[in-house]
C-alpha atoms as a PDB file:
ATOM      1  CA  UNK A   1      44.545 -42.059 -67.011  1.00  0.00           C
ATOM      2  CA  UNK A   2      45.956 -39.974 -69.853  1.00  0.00           C
ATOM      3  CA  UNK A   3      42.879 -40.673 -72.031  1.00  0.00           C
ATOM      4  CA  UNK A   4      41.004 -38.133 -69.920  1.00  0.00           C
ATOM      5  CA  UNK A   5      43.414 -35.235 -70.318  1.00  0.00           C
ATOM      6  CA  UNK A   6      42.396 -32.558 -72.783  1.00  0.00           C
ATOM      7  CA  UNK A   7      42.078 -28.800 -72.835  1.00  0.00           C
ATOM      8  CA  UNK A   8      38.382 -28.674 -71.897  1.00  0.00           C
ATOM      9  CA  UNK A   9      38.129 -31.371 -69.264  1.00  0.00           C
ATOM     10  CA  UNK A  10      38.219 -30.955 -65.516  1.00  0.00           C
ATOM     11  CA  UNK A  11      39.584 -33.671 -63.272  1.00  0.00           C
ATOM     12  CA  UNK A  12      40.084 -33.953 -59.588  1.00  0.00           C
ATOM     13  CA  UNK A  13      43.029 -36.120 -58.670  1.00  0.00           C
ATOM     14  CA  UNK A  14      44.305 -36.828 -55.198  1.00  0.00           C
ATOM     15  CA  UNK A  15      48.035 -37.337 -55.042  1.00  0.00           C
ATOM     16  CA  UNK A  16      49.396 -38.972 -51.920  1.00  0.00           C
ATOM     17  CA  UNK A  17      53.150 -39.044 -51.396  1.00  0.00           C
ATOM     18  CA  UNK A  18      54.999 -40.747 -48.586  1.00  0.00           C
ATOM     19  CA  UNK A  19      58.337 -42.224 -47.800  1.00  0.00           C
ATOM     20  CA  UNK A  20      58.508 -45.881 -46.874  1.00  0.00           C
ATOM     21  CA  UNK A  21      60.690 -46.588 -43.878  1.00  0.00           C
ATOM     22  CA  UNK A  22      63.676 -48.858 -43.892  1.00  0.00           C
ATOM     23  CA  UNK A  23      62.725 -52.528 -43.715  1.00  0.00           C
ATOM     24  CA  UNK A  24      65.926 -54.393 -43.164  1.00  0.00           C
ATOM     25  CA  UNK A  25      69.589 -54.876 -43.965  1.00  0.00           C
ATOM     26  CA  UNK A  26      70.656 -51.424 -45.093  1.00  0.00           C
ATOM     27  CA  UNK A  27      67.468 -50.778 -47.037  1.00  0.00           C
ATOM     28  CA  UNK A  28      67.001 -47.089 -47.726  1.00  0.00           C
ATOM     29  CA  UNK A  29      63.629 -45.340 -47.457  1.00  0.00           C
ATOM     30  CA  UNK A  30      61.897 -44.943 -50.823  1.00  0.00           C
ATOM     31  CA  UNK A  31      59.261 -42.534 -52.051  1.00  0.00           C
ATOM     32  CA  UNK A  32      55.865 -43.962 -52.944  1.00  0.00           C
ATOM     33  CA  UNK A  33      52.787 -42.347 -54.451  1.00  0.00           C
ATOM     34  CA  UNK A  34      49.126 -43.088 -54.953  1.00  0.00           C
ATOM     35  CA  UNK A  35      47.017 -41.194 -57.459  1.00  0.00           C
ATOM     36  CA  UNK A  36      43.253 -41.419 -57.106  1.00  0.00           C
ATOM     37  CA  UNK A  37      40.802 -40.136 -59.705  1.00  0.00           C
ATOM     38  CA  UNK A  38      37.967 -38.772 -57.571  1.00  0.00           C
ATOM     39  CA  UNK A  39      35.268 -39.188 -60.242  1.00  0.00           C
ATOM     40  CA  UNK A  40      36.051 -42.828 -61.021  1.00  0.00           C
ATOM     41  CA  UNK A  41      37.595 -43.761 -57.650  1.00  0.00           C
ATOM     42  CA  UNK A  42      40.283 -45.582 -59.601  1.00  0.00           C
ATOM     43  CA  UNK A  43      43.641 -45.717 -57.850  1.00  0.00           C
ATOM     44  CA  UNK A  44      47.068 -45.849 -59.390  1.00  0.00           C
ATOM     45  CA  UNK A  45      49.837 -46.943 -57.018  1.00  0.00           C
ATOM     46  CA  UNK A  46      53.267 -45.714 -58.062  1.00  0.00           C
ATOM     47  CA  UNK A  47      56.629 -46.969 -56.823  1.00  0.00           C
ATOM     48  CA  UNK A  48      58.767 -45.167 -59.382  1.00  0.00           C
ATOM     49  CA  UNK A  49      58.892 -41.352 -59.474  1.00  0.00           C
ATOM     50  CA  UNK A  50      59.687 -41.384 -63.215  1.00  0.00           C
ATOM     51  CA  UNK A  51      56.435 -43.297 -63.765  1.00  0.00           C
ATOM     52  CA  UNK A  52      54.633 -40.729 -61.631  1.00  0.00           C
ATOM     53  CA  UNK A  53      55.881 -37.951 -63.893  1.00  0.00           C
ATOM     54  CA  UNK A  54      54.840 -39.976 -66.946  1.00  0.00           C
ATOM     55  CA  UNK A  55      51.317 -40.481 -65.565  1.00  0.00           C
ATOM     56  CA  UNK A  56      50.876 -36.804 -64.719  1.00  0.00           C
ATOM     57  CA  UNK A  57      52.522 -35.332 -67.839  1.00  0.00           C
ATOM     58  CA  UNK A  58      49.380 -35.329 -70.048  1.00  0.00           C
ATOM     59  CA  UNK A  59      47.493 -33.409 -67.365  1.00  0.00           C
ATOM     60  CA  UNK A  60      50.297 -30.922 -66.956  1.00  0.00           C
ATOM     61  CA  UNK A  61      50.487 -30.343 -70.700  1.00  0.00           C
ATOM     62  CA  UNK A  62      46.705 -30.000 -71.098  1.00  0.00           C
ATOM     63  CA  UNK A  63      46.513 -27.523 -68.227  1.00  0.00           C
ATOM     64  CA  UNK A  64      49.722 -25.658 -69.199  1.00  0.00           C
ATOM     65  CA  UNK A  65      51.168 -26.335 -65.738  1.00  0.00           C
ATOM     66  CA  UNK A  66      54.701 -25.588 -66.893  1.00  0.00           C
ATOM     67  CA  UNK A  67      53.619 -22.008 -67.631  1.00  0.00           C
ATOM     68  CA  UNK A  68      51.761 -21.825 -64.307  1.00  0.00           C
ATOM     69  CA  UNK A  69      54.766 -23.051 -62.326  1.00  0.00           C
ATOM     70  CA  UNK A  70      57.146 -20.707 -64.157  1.00  0.00           C
ATOM     71  CA  UNK A  71      54.812 -17.730 -63.573  1.00  0.00           C
ATOM     72  CA  UNK A  72      54.459 -18.637 -59.896  1.00  0.00           C
ATOM     73  CA  UNK A  73      58.221 -18.919 -59.433  1.00  0.00           C
ATOM     74  CA  UNK A  74      58.745 -15.547 -61.147  1.00  0.00           C
ATOM     75  CA  UNK A  75      56.248 -13.902 -58.770  1.00  0.00           C
ATOM     76  CA  UNK A  76      57.961 -15.374 -55.703  1.00  0.00           C
ATOM     77  CA  UNK A  77      61.314 -13.815 -56.561  1.00  0.00           C
ATOM     78  CA  UNK A  78      62.109 -10.439 -54.965  1.00  0.00           C
END
């Protein structure tokens, strides 16, 4: 997925997040994710949130999302 991330490209990704329910002897619910690239219809199932961050990092860097999030948070403060 990261091969597509650059400053001039546009990508539409669908990110689905859900929490799996307990399935037995003391099992705790776990977060799961599925990333789908709309243009290629390729899906990337993710069971580890660290891996999710790793997959999305190149997009965030290319789109300067850290700056966007910081600016948004600053605007939300009174």
